[in-house]
Amino acid sequence: MDRSGILNYAHDFLRAAVEKAFAPDEDRRDDLRIRLADHFEAEPISARTCDELPWLLWDTELFARLGPAC
């Protein structure tokens, strides 16, 4: 499902299957969140980066990276 350019799964069972296959535990999910944070940090500032980056850093408890750039 496409919501304003952001892809999302329409069914919970599909979301759960993808999570089980690619991010089976919290450590793997944190690794993926950090990779996403790195990606958004390298992008030019936009509404999307302002939405995503703080949430990703907060969720992975990388509070120091929330510093002066935000």
Protein backbone atom coordinates (compact mmCIF):
# COMPACT_ATOMS: atom_id res chain seq x y z
CA MET A 1 0.00 0.00 0.00
CA ASP A 2 1.36 3.42 -0.94
CA ARG A 3 0.63 6.26 1.49
CA SER A 4 2.09 9.54 0.25
CA GLY A 5 5.13 7.76 -1.16
CA ILE A 6 5.67 5.54 1.90
CA LEU A 7 5.12 1.84 1.28
CA ASN A 8 3.28 -0.09 3.98
CA TYR A 9 1.77 -3.56 4.33
CA ALA A 10 -2.00 -3.75 4.10
CA HIS A 11 -2.31 -6.91 6.21
CA ASP A 12 -0.85 -7.67 9.63
CA PHE A 13 0.01 -11.26 8.70
CA LEU A 14 2.18 -10.04 5.81
CA ARG A 15 3.89 -7.47 8.04
CA ALA A 16 4.57 -10.19 10.66
CA ALA A 17 6.00 -12.57 8.03
CA VAL A 18 8.40 -9.92 6.70
CA GLU A 19 9.45 -8.99 10.24
CA LYS A 20 10.08 -12.65 11.11
CA ALA A 21 12.17 -13.15 7.95
CA PHE A 22 14.26 -9.96 8.05
CA ALA A 23 14.19 -8.67 11.65
CA PRO A 24 13.52 -11.64 13.93
CA ASP A 25 14.86 -10.06 17.12
CA GLU A 26 15.30 -6.64 18.73
CA ASP A 27 19.05 -6.51 17.98
CA ARG A 28 18.41 -7.00 14.26
CA ARG A 29 15.61 -4.41 14.32
CA ASP A 30 17.94 -1.92 16.00
CA ASP A 31 20.62 -2.60 13.37
CA LEU A 32 18.11 -1.88 10.62
CA ARG A 33 16.87 1.27 12.38
CA ILE A 34 20.45 2.54 12.71
CA ARG A 35 21.06 1.92 8.99
CA LEU A 36 17.88 3.86 8.21
CA ALA A 37 18.94 6.68 10.55
CA ASP A 38 22.32 6.85 8.77
CA HIS A 39 20.49 7.07 5.45
CA PHE A 40 18.15 9.87 6.56
CA GLU A 41 21.03 11.73 8.21
CA ALA A 42 22.91 11.79 4.89
CA GLU A 43 19.87 13.12 3.00
CA PRO A 44 19.10 16.84 2.62
CA ILE A 45 16.76 18.13 5.31
CA SER A 46 13.13 17.58 4.33
CA ALA A 47 9.80 16.98 6.03
CA ARG A 48 10.43 13.25 5.73
CA THR A 49 13.88 13.36 7.35
CA CYS A 50 12.52 15.55 10.14
CA ASP A 51 9.81 12.96 10.79
CA GLU A 52 11.92 9.81 10.51
CA LEU A 53 15.36 10.63 11.91
CA PRO A 54 14.44 11.69 15.47
CA TRP A 55 12.09 8.72 15.87
CA LEU A 56 14.73 6.24 14.67
CA LEU A 57 17.42 7.68 16.95
CA TRP A 58 15.07 7.78 19.94
CA ASP A 59 13.86 4.23 19.35
CA THR A 60 17.44 2.91 19.24
CA GLU A 61 18.41 5.05 22.26
CA LEU A 62 21.10 6.93 20.32
CA PHE A 63 20.21 10.10 22.21
CA ALA A 64 23.60 11.77 21.60
CA ARG A 65 22.86 11.86 17.87
CA LEU A 66 19.71 13.89 18.59
CA GLY A 67 21.95 16.82 19.56
CA PRO A 68 22.57 20.14 17.79
CA ALA A 69 21.56 18.95 14.30
CA CYS A 70 17.93 18.62 15.39
